[in-house]
Amino acid sequence: MGGTRDPFPFPKPENDYTLSGRKQCQKQTFDKPTHLAQNEKPWSRLNDLATLASIRRNVLYHDPQAPNDSLDFHLKSTYDHHKEFLRSKNETLYQMETVTDDHGRTLKNRGQNEATVCEKDPSVKVWMSSQKSSIYSIEGTIESHHNASTNRGYSRKHDGGFYST
């Protein structure tokens, strides 16, 4: 008799499903099971071609050019002690793949892009100051409607000086 008692008192709380008496339609199931649908486009192209990263994660993958240990990594670097004496540690470990493109290895799935040569536009003029101006100078700044208030509530004049009382 203890198992048939309803612990919740009347009236029972109602929501959108119990008030109308019908459930809303849920999303229709797919017409094919997952293992068959994965053989069709667009899902099939995800599994047809392996990426370089997935090939390298394979158990049977072996790269004969990869260094086997730290000594091989150091010996394979582009650092020449006779020409580049006392370089920093990270400069002594630069590999050929990092420095040049003629190392003969494929590092990414995309092909080599030809670098476009930027043609200089004669209408664009480049101006360089002959002397370094102070970063605190307000000469040559863009005028705006904002006031000249700066650090911690202190106001400044438009020429950069402080107001005196």
C-alpha atoms as a PDB file:
ATOM      1  CA  MET A   1       0.000   0.000   0.000  1.00  0.00           C
ATOM      2  CA  GLY A   2       2.930   2.351   0.505  1.00  0.00           C
ATOM      3  CA  GLY A   3       3.945   2.189  -3.175  1.00  0.00           C
ATOM      4  CA  THR A   4       0.613   3.432  -4.608  1.00  0.00           C
ATOM      5  CA  ARG A   5       0.454   6.744  -2.755  1.00  0.00           C
ATOM      6  CA  ASP A   6       1.093   9.920  -4.863  1.00  0.00           C
ATOM      7  CA  PRO A   7       3.378  12.224  -2.819  1.00  0.00           C
ATOM      8  CA  PHE A   8       2.440  15.346  -4.801  1.00  0.00           C
ATOM      9  CA  PRO A   9      -0.729  17.184  -3.694  1.00  0.00           C
ATOM     10  CA  PHE A  10      -3.559  18.405  -5.942  1.00  0.00           C
ATOM     11  CA  PRO A  11      -3.778  20.442  -8.119  1.00  0.00           C
ATOM     12  CA  LYS A  12      -0.925  19.052 -10.168  1.00  0.00           C
ATOM     13  CA  PRO A  13       1.319  21.713 -11.765  1.00  0.00           C
ATOM     14  CA  GLU A  14       0.749  22.001 -15.498  1.00  0.00           C
ATOM     15  CA  ASN A  15       3.086  22.957 -18.294  1.00  0.00           C
ATOM     16  CA  ASP A  16       2.700  23.379 -22.039  1.00  0.00           C
ATOM     17  CA  TYR A  17       2.522  19.640 -22.646  1.00  0.00           C
ATOM     18  CA  THR A  18      -0.001  18.653 -19.977  1.00  0.00           C
ATOM     19  CA  LEU A  19      -2.276  21.684 -20.442  1.00  0.00           C
ATOM     20  CA  SER A  20      -2.955  21.069 -24.129  1.00  0.00           C
ATOM     21  CA  GLY A  21      -2.934  17.319 -23.788  1.00  0.00           C
ATOM     22  CA  ARG A  22      -0.538  16.739 -26.713  1.00  0.00           C
ATOM     23  CA  LYS A  23       3.198  16.833 -27.148  1.00  0.00           C
ATOM     24  CA  GLN A  24       4.883  19.058 -29.674  1.00  0.00           C
ATOM     25  CA  CYS A  25       6.372  17.350 -32.713  1.00  0.00           C
ATOM     26  CA  GLN A  26       9.964  16.499 -32.291  1.00  0.00           C
ATOM     27  CA  LYS A  27      12.510  16.542 -35.099  1.00  0.00           C
ATOM     28  CA  GLN A  28      11.958  13.775 -37.594  1.00  0.00           C
ATOM     29  CA  THR A  29      14.520  11.028 -37.524  1.00  0.00           C
ATOM     30  CA  PHE A  30      16.843  10.584 -40.459  1.00  0.00           C
ATOM     31  CA  ASP A  31      15.745   8.255 -43.241  1.00  0.00           C
ATOM     32  CA  LYS A  32      19.042   6.347 -43.284  1.00  0.00           C
ATOM     33  CA  PRO A  33      21.113   4.970 -40.427  1.00  0.00           C
ATOM     34  CA  THR A  34      24.348   6.734 -39.602  1.00  0.00           C
ATOM     35  CA  HIS A  35      26.722   4.099 -40.997  1.00  0.00           C
ATOM     36  CA  LEU A  36      25.020   4.326 -44.428  1.00  0.00           C
ATOM     37  CA  ALA A  37      24.648   8.104 -44.470  1.00  0.00           C
ATOM     38  CA  GLN A  38      28.361   8.579 -43.830  1.00  0.00           C
ATOM     39  CA  ASN A  39      29.153   6.987 -47.198  1.00  0.00           C
ATOM     40  CA  GLU A  40      27.309   9.745 -49.078  1.00  0.00           C
ATOM     41  CA  LYS A  41      28.238  13.343 -49.719  1.00  0.00           C
ATOM     42  CA  PRO A  42      29.040  15.655 -47.926  1.00  0.00           C
ATOM     43  CA  TRP A  43      30.093  13.380 -45.051  1.00  0.00           C
ATOM     44  CA  SER A  44      32.047  10.934 -47.206  1.00  0.00           C
ATOM     45  CA  ARG A  45      34.691  13.488 -48.200  1.00  0.00           C
ATOM     46  CA  LEU A  46      35.662  13.906 -44.537  1.00  0.00           C
ATOM     47  CA  ASN A  47      36.841  10.312 -44.413  1.00  0.00           C
ATOM     48  CA  ASP A  48      38.044   9.759 -47.991  1.00  0.00           C
ATOM     49  CA  LEU A  49      41.177  11.892 -47.900  1.00  0.00           C
ATOM     50  CA  ALA A  50      43.621  11.807 -45.025  1.00  0.00           C
ATOM     51  CA  THR A  51      45.248  15.014 -43.877  1.00  0.00           C
ATOM     52  CA  LEU A  52      48.969  15.257 -43.211  1.00  0.00           C
ATOM     53  CA  ALA A  53      48.279  15.436 -39.482  1.00  0.00           C
ATOM     54  CA  SER A  54      46.191  12.253 -39.527  1.00  0.00           C
ATOM     55  CA  ILE A  55      48.821  10.449 -41.615  1.00  0.00           C
ATOM     56  CA  ARG A  56      51.519  11.469 -39.126  1.00  0.00           C
ATOM     57  CA  ARG A  57      49.419  10.183 -36.202  1.00  0.00           C
ATOM     58  CA  ASN A  58      49.202   6.748 -37.807  1.00  0.00           C
ATOM     59  CA  VAL A  59      51.074   3.966 -36.047  1.00  0.00           C
ATOM     60  CA  LEU A  60      52.811   2.857 -39.237  1.00  0.00           C
ATOM     61  CA  TYR A  61      54.029   6.350 -40.172  1.00  0.00           C
ATOM     62  CA  HIS A  62      57.792   6.799 -40.287  1.00  0.00           C
ATOM     63  CA  ASP A  63      59.610   9.950 -41.358  1.00  0.00           C
ATOM     64  CA  PRO A  64      63.210   9.110 -42.280  1.00  0.00           C
ATOM     65  CA  GLN A  65      64.210  12.786 -42.206  1.00  0.00           C
ATOM     66  CA  ALA A  66      62.905  13.400 -38.677  1.00  0.00           C
ATOM     67  CA  PRO A  67      65.577  13.588 -35.960  1.00  0.00           C
ATOM     68  CA  ASN A  68      65.666  10.615 -33.620  1.00  0.00           C
ATOM     69  CA  ASP A  69      66.921  12.443 -30.551  1.00  0.00           C
ATOM     70  CA  SER A  70      68.223  15.778 -29.281  1.00  0.00           C
ATOM     71  CA  LEU A  71      71.665  15.263 -30.785  1.00  0.00           C
ATOM     72  CA  ASP A  72      70.211  14.690 -34.249  1.00  0.00           C
ATOM     73  CA  PHE A  73      68.057  17.787 -33.815  1.00  0.00           C
ATOM     74  CA  HIS A  74      71.118  19.903 -32.953  1.00  0.00           C
ATOM     75  CA  LEU A  75      73.198  18.457 -35.785  1.00  0.00           C
ATOM     76  CA  LYS A  76      70.423  19.018 -38.313  1.00  0.00           C
ATOM     77  CA  SER A  77      70.114  22.717 -37.433  1.00  0.00           C
ATOM     78  CA  THR A  78      71.344  25.444 -39.777  1.00  0.00           C
ATOM     79  CA  TYR A  79      73.691  26.958 -37.180  1.00  0.00           C
ATOM     80  CA  ASP A  80      77.349  27.118 -38.217  1.00  0.00           C
ATOM     81  CA  HIS A  81      79.637  27.768 -35.265  1.00  0.00           C
ATOM     82  CA  HIS A  82      82.408  29.159 -37.474  1.00  0.00           C
ATOM     83  CA  LYS A  83      80.214  31.733 -39.223  1.00  0.00           C
ATOM     84  CA  GLU A  84      77.658  32.586 -36.501  1.00  0.00           C
ATOM     85  CA  PHE A  85      79.622  32.553 -33.270  1.00  0.00           C
ATOM     86  CA  LEU A  86      77.792  33.142 -29.939  1.00  0.00           C
ATOM     87  CA  ARG A  87      74.197  33.088 -31.210  1.00  0.00           C
ATOM     88  CA  SER A  88      71.343  32.702 -28.745  1.00  0.00           C
ATOM     89  CA  LYS A  89      70.087  29.230 -27.921  1.00  0.00           C
ATOM     90  CA  ASN A  90      66.953  29.450 -30.043  1.00  0.00           C
ATOM     91  CA  GLU A  91      68.945  30.741 -33.037  1.00  0.00           C
ATOM     92  CA  THR A  92      71.274  27.756 -32.817  1.00  0.00           C
ATOM     93  CA  LEU A  93      68.300  25.380 -33.163  1.00  0.00           C
ATOM     94  CA  TYR A  94      66.763  26.802 -36.370  1.00  0.00           C
ATOM     95  CA  GLN A  95      65.915  23.986 -38.744  1.00  0.00           C
ATOM     96  CA  MET A  96      66.068  24.080 -42.537  1.00  0.00           C
ATOM     97  CA  GLU A  97      62.246  23.821 -42.752  1.00  0.00           C
ATOM     98  CA  THR A  98      61.903  27.049 -40.777  1.00  0.00           C
ATOM     99  CA  VAL A  99      64.485  29.107 -42.644  1.00  0.00           C
ATOM    100  CA  THR A 100      64.033  28.132 -46.305  1.00  0.00           C
ATOM    101  CA  ASP A 101      61.444  26.626 -48.637  1.00  0.00           C
ATOM    102  CA  ASP A 102      63.804  24.350 -50.579  1.00  0.00           C
ATOM    103  CA  HIS A 103      64.003  21.587 -47.972  1.00  0.00           C
ATOM    104  CA  GLY A 104      62.009  19.064 -50.030  1.00  0.00           C
ATOM    105  CA  ARG A 105      59.365  18.271 -47.409  1.00  0.00           C
ATOM    106  CA  THR A 106      55.608  18.804 -47.469  1.00  0.00           C
ATOM    107  CA  LEU A 107      54.621  20.585 -44.278  1.00  0.00           C
ATOM    108  CA  LYS A 108      51.045  21.574 -45.148  1.00  0.00           C
ATOM    109  CA  ASN A 109      48.254  20.235 -47.341  1.00  0.00           C
ATOM    110  CA  ARG A 110      48.189  23.288 -49.573  1.00  0.00           C
ATOM    111  CA  GLY A 111      50.431  24.065 -52.499  1.00  0.00           C
ATOM    112  CA  GLN A 112      53.004  26.798 -52.858  1.00  0.00           C
ATOM    113  CA  ASN A 113      51.421  30.183 -53.485  1.00  0.00           C
ATOM    114  CA  GLU A 114      53.221  32.605 -55.697  1.00  0.00           C
ATOM    115  CA  ALA A 115      53.888  35.772 -53.733  1.00  0.00           C
ATOM    116  CA  THR A 116      52.395  38.756 -55.470  1.00  0.00           C
ATOM    117  CA  VAL A 117      54.744  41.652 -55.933  1.00  0.00           C
ATOM    118  CA  CYS A 118      53.233  44.816 -54.496  1.00  0.00           C
ATOM    119  CA  GLU A 119      53.388  47.622 -56.956  1.00  0.00           C
ATOM    120  CA  LYS A 120      53.921  50.995 -55.380  1.00  0.00           C
ATOM    121  CA  ASP A 121      51.088  53.390 -55.970  1.00  0.00           C
ATOM    122  CA  PRO A 122      52.545  56.755 -57.060  1.00  0.00           C
ATOM    123  CA  SER A 123      49.552  58.617 -55.625  1.00  0.00           C
ATOM    124  CA  VAL A 124      50.388  57.477 -52.082  1.00  0.00           C
ATOM    125  CA  LYS A 125      53.014  59.637 -50.424  1.00  0.00           C
ATOM    126  CA  VAL A 126      54.990  58.374 -47.471  1.00  0.00           C
ATOM    127  CA  TRP A 127      56.128  61.004 -44.983  1.00  0.00           C
ATOM    128  CA  MET A 128      58.718  60.381 -42.323  1.00  0.00           C
ATOM    129  CA  SER A 129      59.594  62.869 -39.628  1.00  0.00           C
ATOM    130  CA  SER A 130      63.204  63.980 -39.542  1.00  0.00           C
ATOM    131  CA  GLN A 131      63.199  63.937 -35.753  1.00  0.00           C
ATOM    132  CA  LYS A 132      61.293  61.887 -33.211  1.00  0.00           C
ATOM    133  CA  SER A 133      58.509  63.943 -31.698  1.00  0.00           C
ATOM    134  CA  SER A 134      57.458  63.575 -28.070  1.00  0.00           C
ATOM    135  CA  ILE A 135      54.536  61.276 -27.445  1.00  0.00           C
ATOM    136  CA  TYR A 136      53.203  63.832 -24.965  1.00  0.00           C
ATOM    137  CA  SER A 137      53.050  66.624 -27.522  1.00  0.00           C
ATOM    138  CA  ILE A 138      49.566  67.527 -28.744  1.00  0.00           C
ATOM    139  CA  GLU A 139      50.694  69.488 -31.770  1.00  0.00           C
ATOM    140  CA  GLY A 140      49.429  67.964 -34.987  1.00  0.00           C
ATOM    141  CA  THR A 141      46.743  65.897 -33.286  1.00  0.00           C
ATOM    142  CA  ILE A 142      43.273  65.504 -34.681  1.00  0.00           C
ATOM    143  CA  GLU A 143      40.826  68.012 -33.250  1.00  0.00           C
ATOM    144  CA  SER A 144      37.740  66.597 -31.583  1.00  0.00           C
ATOM    145  CA  HIS A 145      34.807  67.651 -29.460  1.00  0.00           C
ATOM    146  CA  HIS A 146      36.161  65.841 -26.410  1.00  0.00           C
ATOM    147  CA  ASN A 147      37.555  67.846 -23.547  1.00  0.00           C
ATOM    148  CA  ALA A 148      41.217  67.808 -22.602  1.00  0.00           C
ATOM    149  CA  SER A 149      40.745  65.876 -19.364  1.00  0.00           C
ATOM    150  CA  THR A 150      43.448  63.334 -18.668  1.00  0.00           C
ATOM    151  CA  ASN A 151      44.984  61.449 -15.777  1.00  0.00           C
ATOM    152  CA  ARG A 152      42.955  61.003 -12.617  1.00  0.00           C
ATOM    153  CA  GLY A 153      40.593  63.911 -13.163  1.00  0.00           C
ATOM    154  CA  TYR A 154      43.265  66.568 -13.687  1.00  0.00           C
ATOM    155  CA  SER A 155      42.407  68.816 -16.589  1.00  0.00           C
ATOM    156  CA  ARG A 156      44.948  70.059 -19.085  1.00  0.00           C
ATOM    157  CA  LYS A 157      44.938  72.965 -21.435  1.00  0.00           C
ATOM    158  CA  HIS A 158      44.820  72.287 -25.152  1.00  0.00           C
ATOM    159  CA  ASP A 159      48.510  73.105 -25.432  1.00  0.00           C
ATOM    160  CA  GLY A 160      49.368  70.396 -22.874  1.00  0.00           C
ATOM    161  CA  GLY A 161      49.900  72.559 -19.786  1.00  0.00           C
ATOM    162  CA  PHE A 162      47.969  72.326 -16.514  1.00  0.00           C
ATOM    163  CA  TYR A 163      45.355  74.823 -15.389  1.00  0.00           C
ATOM    164  CA  SER A 164      46.475  76.824 -12.330  1.00  0.00           C
ATOM    165  CA  THR A 165      44.197  77.970  -9.532  1.00  0.00           C
END
